[in-house]
Amino acid sequence: MMTIDDFKETLSAPSPPSVPALLLALWYDARGDWETAHSLAQDVDDRSGAWVHAYLHRKEGDLGNAGYWYRRAKQPIATDSLDAEWTRLVSALL
C-alpha cells in the first residue's frame, strides 16, 4: 500500500505511478500540469472527483466555480494553503 511519502517520491519520476485517476490528477497538478489534472478530475463523477475539481479551480483562482464543486463534494470551502489541501486530498485518496 502506498503512503503519502511514497506518493510524493514519485513526483520526481519521469512517468506517473499506476494509481487511480484522481491521484493521477493530483500527481500532474503537483508537477505543474493543471490542464491534465483538470481533465482527469472532471471525468470522475463522485464526491471525491468533485473535491479534486474544487481544489483545482481554487488553485486556478476561480473561487466561484471552486465553491460550486466544494458544495458538490459536500466539503467545506478550503481556506488553508493549497499545499495543505493537496496533502489532505492525497491522504484521503490513498
C-alpha atoms as a PDB file:
ATOM      1  CA  MET A   1       0.000   0.000   0.000  1.00  0.00           C
ATOM      2  CA  MET A   2       1.353   3.421  -0.989  1.00  0.00           C
ATOM      3  CA  THR A   3       1.869   6.078   1.684  1.00  0.00           C
ATOM      4  CA  ILE A   4       1.801   9.835   1.181  1.00  0.00           C
ATOM      5  CA  ASP A   5       5.609   9.834   1.372  1.00  0.00           C
ATOM      6  CA  ASP A   6       5.772   7.113  -1.288  1.00  0.00           C
ATOM      7  CA  PHE A   7       3.432   9.151  -3.481  1.00  0.00           C
ATOM      8  CA  LYS A   8       5.496  12.324  -3.029  1.00  0.00           C
ATOM      9  CA  GLU A   9       8.634  10.412  -4.029  1.00  0.00           C
ATOM     10  CA  THR A  10       7.042   9.548  -7.386  1.00  0.00           C
ATOM     11  CA  LEU A  11       6.816  13.251  -8.235  1.00  0.00           C
ATOM     12  CA  SER A  12      10.453  13.221  -9.343  1.00  0.00           C
ATOM     13  CA  ALA A  13       9.967  10.185 -11.593  1.00  0.00           C
ATOM     14  CA  PRO A  14       9.733  10.695 -15.354  1.00  0.00           C
ATOM     15  CA  SER A  15       6.338   8.981 -15.531  1.00  0.00           C
ATOM     16  CA  PRO A  16       3.396   8.745 -13.139  1.00  0.00           C
ATOM     17  CA  PRO A  17       2.754   5.828 -10.817  1.00  0.00           C
ATOM     18  CA  SER A  18      -0.001   3.340 -11.503  1.00  0.00           C
ATOM     19  CA  VAL A  19      -2.730   4.925  -9.379  1.00  0.00           C
ATOM     20  CA  PRO A  20      -6.433   5.739  -9.802  1.00  0.00           C
ATOM     21  CA  ALA A  21      -7.438   8.764 -11.889  1.00  0.00           C
ATOM     22  CA  LEU A  22      -7.846  11.257  -9.042  1.00  0.00           C
ATOM     23  CA  LEU A  23      -4.417  10.517  -7.584  1.00  0.00           C
ATOM     24  CA  LEU A  24      -3.050  10.766 -11.091  1.00  0.00           C
ATOM     25  CA  ALA A  25      -4.717  14.174 -11.402  1.00  0.00           C
ATOM     26  CA  LEU A  26      -3.033  15.308  -8.193  1.00  0.00           C
ATOM     27  CA  TRP A  27       0.296  13.920  -9.428  1.00  0.00           C
ATOM     28  CA  TYR A  28       0.039  16.015 -12.595  1.00  0.00           C
ATOM     29  CA  ASP A  29      -1.068  19.030 -10.591  1.00  0.00           C
ATOM     30  CA  ALA A  30       1.970  18.767  -8.313  1.00  0.00           C
ATOM     31  CA  ARG A  31       4.169  18.717 -11.407  1.00  0.00           C
ATOM     32  CA  GLY A  32       2.575  21.887 -12.772  1.00  0.00           C
ATOM     33  CA  ASP A  33       0.290  20.341 -15.393  1.00  0.00           C
ATOM     34  CA  TRP A  34      -3.054  21.865 -14.361  1.00  0.00           C
ATOM     35  CA  GLU A  35      -4.738  21.077 -17.690  1.00  0.00           C
ATOM     36  CA  THR A  36      -4.088  17.332 -17.480  1.00  0.00           C
ATOM     37  CA  ALA A  37      -5.036  17.318 -13.801  1.00  0.00           C
ATOM     38  CA  HIS A  38      -8.317  19.085 -14.557  1.00  0.00           C
ATOM     39  CA  SER A  39      -9.115  16.799 -17.474  1.00  0.00           C
ATOM     40  CA  LEU A  40      -8.648  13.729 -15.278  1.00  0.00           C
ATOM     41  CA  ALA A  41     -10.629  15.154 -12.347  1.00  0.00           C
ATOM     42  CA  GLN A  42     -13.614  16.276 -14.382  1.00  0.00           C
ATOM     43  CA  ASP A  43     -14.093  12.728 -15.672  1.00  0.00           C
ATOM     44  CA  VAL A  44     -14.716  11.341 -12.165  1.00  0.00           C
ATOM     45  CA  ASP A  45     -18.355  11.960 -11.250  1.00  0.00           C
ATOM     46  CA  ASP A  46     -18.461  11.376  -7.495  1.00  0.00           C
ATOM     47  CA  ARG A  47     -17.765  13.358  -4.321  1.00  0.00           C
ATOM     48  CA  SER A  48     -14.035  12.711  -4.430  1.00  0.00           C
ATOM     49  CA  GLY A  49     -13.889  13.858  -8.044  1.00  0.00           C
ATOM     50  CA  ALA A  50     -15.815  16.989  -7.108  1.00  0.00           C
ATOM     51  CA  TRP A  51     -13.367  17.697  -4.266  1.00  0.00           C
ATOM     52  CA  VAL A  52     -10.315  17.400  -6.527  1.00  0.00           C
ATOM     53  CA  HIS A  53     -12.144  19.525  -9.106  1.00  0.00           C
ATOM     54  CA  ALA A  54     -12.863  22.152  -6.414  1.00  0.00           C
ATOM     55  CA  TYR A  55      -9.220  22.215  -5.338  1.00  0.00           C
ATOM     56  CA  LEU A  56      -8.069  22.671  -8.924  1.00  0.00           C
ATOM     57  CA  HIS A  57     -10.441  25.593  -9.523  1.00  0.00           C
ATOM     58  CA  ARG A  58      -9.363  27.137  -6.229  1.00  0.00           C
ATOM     59  CA  LYS A  59      -5.752  26.831  -7.377  1.00  0.00           C
ATOM     60  CA  GLU A  60      -6.702  28.393 -10.697  1.00  0.00           C
ATOM     61  CA  GLY A  61      -8.217  31.331  -8.824  1.00  0.00           C
ATOM     62  CA  ASP A  62     -11.785  30.653  -9.979  1.00  0.00           C
ATOM     63  CA  LEU A  63     -13.318  30.764  -6.492  1.00  0.00           C
ATOM     64  CA  GLY A  64     -16.933  30.866  -7.681  1.00  0.00           C
ATOM     65  CA  ASN A  65     -16.500  27.658  -9.646  1.00  0.00           C
ATOM     66  CA  ALA A  66     -14.484  26.134  -6.797  1.00  0.00           C
ATOM     67  CA  GLY A  67     -17.360  26.883  -4.397  1.00  0.00           C
ATOM     68  CA  TYR A  68     -19.785  25.019  -6.652  1.00  0.00           C
ATOM     69  CA  TRP A  69     -17.520  21.947  -6.661  1.00  0.00           C
ATOM     70  CA  TYR A  70     -16.943  22.081  -2.896  1.00  0.00           C
ATOM     71  CA  ARG A  71     -20.730  22.008  -2.445  1.00  0.00           C
ATOM     72  CA  ARG A  72     -20.986  19.026  -4.820  1.00  0.00           C
ATOM     73  CA  ALA A  73     -18.228  17.301  -2.825  1.00  0.00           C
ATOM     74  CA  LYS A  74     -20.012  18.105   0.454  1.00  0.00           C
ATOM     75  CA  GLN A  75     -16.729  19.614   1.669  1.00  0.00           C
ATOM     76  CA  PRO A  76     -16.213  22.968   3.367  1.00  0.00           C
ATOM     77  CA  ILE A  77     -14.549  25.578   1.204  1.00  0.00           C
ATOM     78  CA  ALA A  78     -10.863  25.278   1.959  1.00  0.00           C
ATOM     79  CA  THR A  79      -9.173  28.317   3.444  1.00  0.00           C
ATOM     80  CA  ASP A  80      -5.791  26.841   4.288  1.00  0.00           C
ATOM     81  CA  SER A  81      -2.840  26.665   1.914  1.00  0.00           C
ATOM     82  CA  LEU A  82      -3.108  24.873  -1.401  1.00  0.00           C
ATOM     83  CA  ASP A  83      -0.257  22.600  -0.296  1.00  0.00           C
ATOM     84  CA  ALA A  84      -2.164  21.614   2.837  1.00  0.00           C
ATOM     85  CA  GLU A  85      -5.299  20.843   0.851  1.00  0.00           C
ATOM     86  CA  TRP A  86      -3.304  18.843  -1.711  1.00  0.00           C
ATOM     87  CA  THR A  87      -1.847  16.769   1.126  1.00  0.00           C
ATOM     88  CA  ARG A  88      -5.321  16.206   2.616  1.00  0.00           C
ATOM     89  CA  LEU A  89      -6.649  15.112  -0.749  1.00  0.00           C
ATOM     90  CA  VAL A  90      -3.816  12.687  -1.444  1.00  0.00           C
ATOM     91  CA  SER A  91      -4.087  11.256   2.069  1.00  0.00           C
ATOM     92  CA  ALA A  92      -7.851  10.802   1.711  1.00  0.00           C
ATOM     93  CA  LEU A  93      -7.485   9.087  -1.657  1.00  0.00           C
ATOM     94  CA  LEU A  94      -4.638   6.716  -0.811  1.00  0.00           C
END
